[in-house]
Amino acid sequence: MFIQTETTPNPATLKFLPGRDVLGAEFVGGSVDFTEAESAKVSPLATRLFAVAGVEGIFLGSDFVTVTKGDLRDWTELKPALLGAIMEHFMSGLPVMNAGAGGSEVEETFDPADGQIVTQIKELIETRVRPAVAQDGGDIIFRGFERGVVFLQMQGSCSGCPSSTATLRYGIENMLKHYVPEVSEVRAV
């Protein structure tokens, strides 16, 4: 098994590509973000990765794994241990997620009268933003729309990334304003 790695715009995260489905397209929600070992117990893969000292976050995408490290560890120390853990997991035949541990429904808040606007916003995020963000090892989730403000949640390498504010402000916000005039601002939650 050959696992590729890619750097991300966030220096604290590294993207691992095992060359096979991680969550796959059938997983509800498409991705899972674990920010602590306790919440990762629903995933044998995430549990194994959190066992590596210095790991602070695991993001599972359709065909990749993004790992966030703490400040006290260097990638030259962590990368071999993480590669080994990912390889061991896939060779073991264990599932990535335990049975019944489907994705959780994302709570969205918006006025039902804005339903058509929200549909446009979600379509643009799904078709234009999410694929680009996934290439950087993360995900972006629509959380709400209120009085012209779009609320988005950044996950994986995008969460805490130094360039995520610029991505939201100059990339996503400008695009949404262009296609959906009712949008006045984009904020991270």
C-alpha atoms as a PDB file:
ATOM      1  CA  MET A   1       0.000   0.000   0.000  1.00  0.00           C
ATOM      2  CA  PHE A   2       1.350   3.408  -0.992  1.00  0.00           C
ATOM      3  CA  ILE A   3       0.100   6.458   0.917  1.00  0.00           C
ATOM      4  CA  GLN A   4       0.776   9.876  -0.556  1.00  0.00           C
ATOM      5  CA  THR A   5       1.037  12.993   1.566  1.00  0.00           C
ATOM      6  CA  GLU A   6       0.358  16.591   0.661  1.00  0.00           C
ATOM      7  CA  THR A   7       1.033  19.769   2.546  1.00  0.00           C
ATOM      8  CA  THR A   8      -1.902  22.082   3.173  1.00  0.00           C
ATOM      9  CA  PRO A   9      -2.096  25.864   3.548  1.00  0.00           C
ATOM     10  CA  ASN A  10      -2.252  25.218   7.306  1.00  0.00           C
ATOM     11  CA  PRO A  11       1.285  24.346   8.517  1.00  0.00           C
ATOM     12  CA  ALA A  12      -0.178  22.406  11.451  1.00  0.00           C
ATOM     13  CA  THR A  13      -1.971  19.922   9.173  1.00  0.00           C
ATOM     14  CA  LEU A  14      -0.877  17.277   6.692  1.00  0.00           C
ATOM     15  CA  LYS A  15      -3.112  15.490   4.190  1.00  0.00           C
ATOM     16  CA  PHE A  16      -2.753  11.706   3.723  1.00  0.00           C
ATOM     17  CA  LEU A  17      -4.097  10.008   0.575  1.00  0.00           C
ATOM     18  CA  PRO A  18      -4.263   6.226   1.027  1.00  0.00           C
ATOM     19  CA  GLY A  19      -5.321   5.589  -2.581  1.00  0.00           C
ATOM     20  CA  ARG A  20      -8.718   4.196  -1.567  1.00  0.00           C
ATOM     21  CA  ASP A  21     -12.001   5.382  -0.124  1.00  0.00           C
ATOM     22  CA  VAL A  22     -11.790   6.619   3.438  1.00  0.00           C
ATOM     23  CA  LEU A  23     -15.427   7.549   4.076  1.00  0.00           C
ATOM     24  CA  GLY A  24     -16.658   7.195   0.531  1.00  0.00           C
ATOM     25  CA  ALA A  25     -19.545   8.986  -1.123  1.00  0.00           C
ATOM     26  CA  GLU A  26     -22.176   6.903   0.693  1.00  0.00           C
ATOM     27  CA  PHE A  27     -21.284   8.359   4.103  1.00  0.00           C
ATOM     28  CA  VAL A  28     -23.952  10.821   5.269  1.00  0.00           C
ATOM     29  CA  GLY A  29     -22.424  14.271   5.552  1.00  0.00           C
ATOM     30  CA  GLY A  30     -19.365  13.378   3.469  1.00  0.00           C
ATOM     31  CA  SER A  31     -16.798  14.104   6.180  1.00  0.00           C
ATOM     32  CA  VAL A  32     -16.123  13.833   9.903  1.00  0.00           C
ATOM     33  CA  ASP A  33     -14.045  16.189  12.025  1.00  0.00           C
ATOM     34  CA  PHE A  34     -12.601  14.934  15.326  1.00  0.00           C
ATOM     35  CA  THR A  35     -11.046  17.599  17.546  1.00  0.00           C
ATOM     36  CA  GLU A  36     -10.405  15.317  20.511  1.00  0.00           C
ATOM     37  CA  ALA A  37      -9.662  11.650  21.122  1.00  0.00           C
ATOM     38  CA  GLU A  38     -12.849  11.094  23.137  1.00  0.00           C
ATOM     39  CA  SER A  39     -15.118  11.963  20.206  1.00  0.00           C
ATOM     40  CA  ALA A  40     -13.059   9.721  17.895  1.00  0.00           C
ATOM     41  CA  LYS A  41     -14.131   6.484  19.589  1.00  0.00           C
ATOM     42  CA  VAL A  42     -16.704   5.970  16.812  1.00  0.00           C
ATOM     43  CA  SER A  43     -13.829   5.571  14.350  1.00  0.00           C
ATOM     44  CA  PRO A  44     -11.176   2.854  14.684  1.00  0.00           C
ATOM     45  CA  LEU A  45      -8.954   4.789  12.253  1.00  0.00           C
ATOM     46  CA  ALA A  46      -9.232   8.090  14.133  1.00  0.00           C
ATOM     47  CA  THR A  47      -8.681   6.310  17.464  1.00  0.00           C
ATOM     48  CA  ARG A  48      -5.488   4.741  16.099  1.00  0.00           C
ATOM     49  CA  LEU A  49      -4.244   8.117  14.853  1.00  0.00           C
ATOM     50  CA  PHE A  50      -5.008   9.901  18.135  1.00  0.00           C
ATOM     51  CA  ALA A  51      -2.812   7.283  19.841  1.00  0.00           C
ATOM     52  CA  VAL A  52       0.204   8.927  18.169  1.00  0.00           C
ATOM     53  CA  ALA A  53       1.601  11.500  20.599  1.00  0.00           C
ATOM     54  CA  GLY A  54       1.218  15.052  19.329  1.00  0.00           C
ATOM     55  CA  VAL A  55      -1.949  14.530  17.269  1.00  0.00           C
ATOM     56  CA  GLU A  56      -4.612  17.114  18.084  1.00  0.00           C
ATOM     57  CA  GLY A  57      -7.169  16.640  15.319  1.00  0.00           C
ATOM     58  CA  ILE A  58      -8.318  14.165  12.672  1.00  0.00           C
ATOM     59  CA  PHE A  59     -10.460  15.000   9.664  1.00  0.00           C
ATOM     60  CA  LEU A  60     -11.802  12.168   7.510  1.00  0.00           C
ATOM     61  CA  GLY A  61     -12.853  12.981   3.956  1.00  0.00           C
ATOM     62  CA  SER A  62     -14.141  10.816   1.140  1.00  0.00           C
ATOM     63  CA  ASP A  63     -10.670   9.689   0.030  1.00  0.00           C
ATOM     64  CA  PHE A  64      -8.251  11.405   2.413  1.00  0.00           C
ATOM     65  CA  VAL A  65      -7.273  11.873   6.051  1.00  0.00           C
ATOM     66  CA  THR A  66      -6.053  15.196   7.403  1.00  0.00           C
ATOM     67  CA  VAL A  67      -4.088  15.213  10.654  1.00  0.00           C
ATOM     68  CA  THR A  68      -3.540  18.303  12.798  1.00  0.00           C
ATOM     69  CA  LYS A  69      -0.514  18.319  15.091  1.00  0.00           C
ATOM     70  CA  GLY A  70       0.322  20.259  18.214  1.00  0.00           C
ATOM     71  CA  ASP A  71       3.076  22.858  18.393  1.00  0.00           C
ATOM     72  CA  LEU A  72       5.459  20.610  20.332  1.00  0.00           C
ATOM     73  CA  ARG A  73       5.910  17.976  17.604  1.00  0.00           C
ATOM     74  CA  ASP A  74       7.519  18.216  14.196  1.00  0.00           C
ATOM     75  CA  TRP A  75       6.239  16.538  11.023  1.00  0.00           C
ATOM     76  CA  THR A  76       9.550  14.732  10.593  1.00  0.00           C
ATOM     77  CA  GLU A  77       8.775  12.881  13.848  1.00  0.00           C
ATOM     78  CA  LEU A  78       5.053  12.401  13.318  1.00  0.00           C
ATOM     79  CA  LYS A  79       4.785  11.548   9.631  1.00  0.00           C
ATOM     80  CA  PRO A  80       6.352   8.040   9.776  1.00  0.00           C
ATOM     81  CA  ALA A  81       4.209   7.053  12.773  1.00  0.00           C
ATOM     82  CA  LEU A  82       1.049   8.346  11.079  1.00  0.00           C
ATOM     83  CA  LEU A  83       1.846   6.605   7.794  1.00  0.00           C
ATOM     84  CA  GLY A  84       2.341   3.368   9.728  1.00  0.00           C
ATOM     85  CA  ALA A  85      -0.919   3.805  11.646  1.00  0.00           C
ATOM     86  CA  ILE A  86      -2.922   4.468   8.476  1.00  0.00           C
ATOM     87  CA  MET A  87      -1.345   1.508   6.689  1.00  0.00           C
ATOM     88  CA  GLU A  88      -1.950  -0.808   9.673  1.00  0.00           C
ATOM     89  CA  HIS A  89      -5.557   0.287   9.858  1.00  0.00           C
ATOM     90  CA  PHE A  90      -6.347  -0.428   6.204  1.00  0.00           C
ATOM     91  CA  MET A  91      -4.440  -3.728   6.264  1.00  0.00           C
ATOM     92  CA  SER A  92      -6.373  -4.831   9.373  1.00  0.00           C
ATOM     93  CA  GLY A  93      -9.691  -4.803   7.555  1.00  0.00           C
ATOM     94  CA  LEU A  94     -11.358  -2.771  10.311  1.00  0.00           C
ATOM     95  CA  PRO A  95     -13.971  -0.218   9.236  1.00  0.00           C
ATOM     96  CA  VAL A  96     -13.110   3.468   9.202  1.00  0.00           C
ATOM     97  CA  MET A  97     -16.298   4.197  11.158  1.00  0.00           C
ATOM     98  CA  ASN A  98     -18.092   1.799  13.501  1.00  0.00           C
ATOM     99  CA  ALA A  99     -21.476   0.494  12.386  1.00  0.00           C
ATOM    100  CA  GLY A 100     -24.247   2.961  13.124  1.00  0.00           C
ATOM    101  CA  ALA A 101     -21.833   5.887  13.435  1.00  0.00           C
ATOM    102  CA  GLY A 102     -23.245   7.811  10.497  1.00  0.00           C
ATOM    103  CA  GLY A 103     -22.653  11.490   9.985  1.00  0.00           C
ATOM    104  CA  SER A 104     -24.627  13.821  12.138  1.00  0.00           C
ATOM    105  CA  GLU A 105     -27.164  16.212  10.747  1.00  0.00           C
ATOM    106  CA  VAL A 106     -25.842  19.741  10.583  1.00  0.00           C
ATOM    107  CA  GLU A 107     -28.034  22.265  12.362  1.00  0.00           C
ATOM    108  CA  GLU A 108     -28.875  25.101   9.992  1.00  0.00           C
ATOM    109  CA  THR A 109     -30.593  28.336  10.883  1.00  0.00           C
ATOM    110  CA  PHE A 110     -32.382  30.543   8.377  1.00  0.00           C
ATOM    111  CA  ASP A 111     -35.793  32.102   7.816  1.00  0.00           C
ATOM    112  CA  PRO A 112     -37.954  29.781   5.682  1.00  0.00           C
ATOM    113  CA  ALA A 113     -38.805  32.851   3.569  1.00  0.00           C
ATOM    114  CA  ASP A 114     -35.131  32.856   2.491  1.00  0.00           C
ATOM    115  CA  GLY A 115     -35.330  29.240   1.295  1.00  0.00           C
ATOM    116  CA  GLN A 116     -34.655  30.034  -2.363  1.00  0.00           C
ATOM    117  CA  ILE A 117     -31.629  32.198  -1.474  1.00  0.00           C
ATOM    118  CA  VAL A 118     -30.291  29.484   0.843  1.00  0.00           C
ATOM    119  CA  THR A 119     -30.701  26.891  -1.912  1.00  0.00           C
ATOM    120  CA  GLN A 120     -28.577  29.060  -4.239  1.00  0.00           C
ATOM    121  CA  ILE A 121     -25.922  29.579  -1.553  1.00  0.00           C
ATOM    122  CA  LYS A 122     -25.742  25.857  -0.745  1.00  0.00           C
ATOM    123  CA  GLU A 123     -25.521  24.939  -4.439  1.00  0.00           C
ATOM    124  CA  LEU A 124     -22.587  27.326  -4.954  1.00  0.00           C
ATOM    125  CA  ILE A 125     -20.825  26.021  -1.849  1.00  0.00           C
ATOM    126  CA  GLU A 126     -21.360  22.403  -2.917  1.00  0.00           C
ATOM    127  CA  THR A 127     -20.241  22.822  -6.528  1.00  0.00           C
ATOM    128  CA  ARG A 128     -17.576  25.526  -6.363  1.00  0.00           C
ATOM    129  CA  VAL A 129     -16.224  25.795  -2.832  1.00  0.00           C
ATOM    130  CA  ARG A 130     -16.230  22.321  -1.256  1.00  0.00           C
ATOM    131  CA  PRO A 131     -14.169  20.647  -4.017  1.00  0.00           C
ATOM    132  CA  ALA A 132     -11.457  23.318  -3.727  1.00  0.00           C
ATOM    133  CA  VAL A 133     -11.441  23.193   0.071  1.00  0.00           C
ATOM    134  CA  ALA A 134     -11.262  19.371  -0.002  1.00  0.00           C
ATOM    135  CA  GLN A 135      -8.110  19.616  -2.137  1.00  0.00           C
ATOM    136  CA  ASP A 136      -6.546  21.483   0.775  1.00  0.00           C
ATOM    137  CA  GLY A 137      -7.606  18.757   3.238  1.00  0.00           C
ATOM    138  CA  GLY A 138     -10.682  20.379   4.700  1.00  0.00           C
ATOM    139  CA  ASP A 139     -14.361  21.001   4.349  1.00  0.00           C
ATOM    140  CA  ILE A 140     -16.817  23.854   4.664  1.00  0.00           C
ATOM    141  CA  ILE A 141     -20.322  23.453   6.026  1.00  0.00           C
ATOM    142  CA  PHE A 142     -23.275  25.820   5.602  1.00  0.00           C
ATOM    143  CA  ARG A 143     -24.657  26.710   9.053  1.00  0.00           C
ATOM    144  CA  GLY A 144     -27.048  29.573   8.412  1.00  0.00           C
ATOM    145  CA  PHE A 145     -28.206  32.743   6.700  1.00  0.00           C
ATOM    146  CA  GLU A 146     -29.529  35.784   8.525  1.00  0.00           C
ATOM    147  CA  ARG A 147     -30.041  39.357   7.253  1.00  0.00           C
ATOM    148  CA  GLY A 148     -27.558  38.929   4.404  1.00  0.00           C
ATOM    149  CA  VAL A 149     -24.910  37.161   6.488  1.00  0.00           C
ATOM    150  CA  VAL A 150     -23.869  33.611   5.548  1.00  0.00           C
ATOM    151  CA  PHE A 151     -22.510  31.509   8.424  1.00  0.00           C
ATOM    152  CA  LEU A 152     -20.020  28.780   7.492  1.00  0.00           C
ATOM    153  CA  GLN A 153     -18.074  26.255   9.540  1.00  0.00           C
ATOM    154  CA  MET A 154     -14.515  25.433   8.484  1.00  0.00           C
ATOM    155  CA  GLN A 155     -13.271  21.889   9.191  1.00  0.00           C
ATOM    156  CA  GLY A 156     -10.080  19.879   8.813  1.00  0.00           C
ATOM    157  CA  SER A 157      -7.035  21.809   7.650  1.00  0.00           C
ATOM    158  CA  CYS A 158      -9.219  24.890   7.123  1.00  0.00           C
ATOM    159  CA  SER A 159     -10.083  25.133  10.802  1.00  0.00           C
ATOM    160  CA  GLY A 160      -7.488  27.356  12.407  1.00  0.00           C
ATOM    161  CA  CYS A 161      -5.633  27.896   9.135  1.00  0.00           C
ATOM    162  CA  PRO A 162      -3.932  31.284   8.922  1.00  0.00           C
ATOM    163  CA  SER A 163      -5.286  31.790   5.385  1.00  0.00           C
ATOM    164  CA  SER A 164      -8.886  30.701   6.121  1.00  0.00           C
ATOM    165  CA  THR A 165      -9.965  34.270   6.934  1.00  0.00           C
ATOM    166  CA  ALA A 166      -8.684  35.443   3.556  1.00  0.00           C
ATOM    167  CA  THR A 167     -10.363  32.471   1.851  1.00  0.00           C
ATOM    168  CA  LEU A 168     -13.692  33.369   3.459  1.00  0.00           C
ATOM    169  CA  ARG A 169     -13.441  37.104   2.866  1.00  0.00           C
ATOM    170  CA  TYR A 170     -11.861  37.377  -0.561  1.00  0.00           C
ATOM    171  CA  GLY A 171     -12.817  34.082  -2.132  1.00  0.00           C
ATOM    172  CA  ILE A 172     -16.104  32.748  -0.853  1.00  0.00           C
ATOM    173  CA  GLU A 173     -17.692  36.060   0.153  1.00  0.00           C
ATOM    174  CA  ASN A 174     -16.900  37.742  -3.177  1.00  0.00           C
ATOM    175  CA  MET A 175     -18.182  34.755  -5.152  1.00  0.00           C
ATOM    176  CA  LEU A 176     -21.421  34.533  -3.167  1.00  0.00           C
ATOM    177  CA  LYS A 177     -22.009  38.297  -3.446  1.00  0.00           C
ATOM    178  CA  HIS A 178     -21.499  38.059  -7.212  1.00  0.00           C
ATOM    179  CA  TYR A 179     -24.032  35.247  -7.725  1.00  0.00           C
ATOM    180  CA  VAL A 180     -26.424  35.987  -4.849  1.00  0.00           C
ATOM    181  CA  PRO A 181     -26.907  39.757  -4.422  1.00  0.00           C
ATOM    182  CA  GLU A 182     -28.725  39.230  -1.122  1.00  0.00           C
ATOM    183  CA  VAL A 183     -25.421  38.146   0.492  1.00  0.00           C
ATOM    184  CA  SER A 184     -23.645  40.998   2.256  1.00  0.00           C
ATOM    185  CA  GLU A 185     -21.089  39.120   4.372  1.00  0.00           C
ATOM    186  CA  VAL A 186     -19.667  35.686   5.192  1.00  0.00           C
ATOM    187  CA  ARG A 187     -18.657  34.734   8.753  1.00  0.00           C
ATOM    188  CA  ALA A 188     -16.993  31.674  10.219  1.00  0.00           C
ATOM    189  CA  VAL A 189     -18.657  29.941  13.173  1.00  0.00           C
END
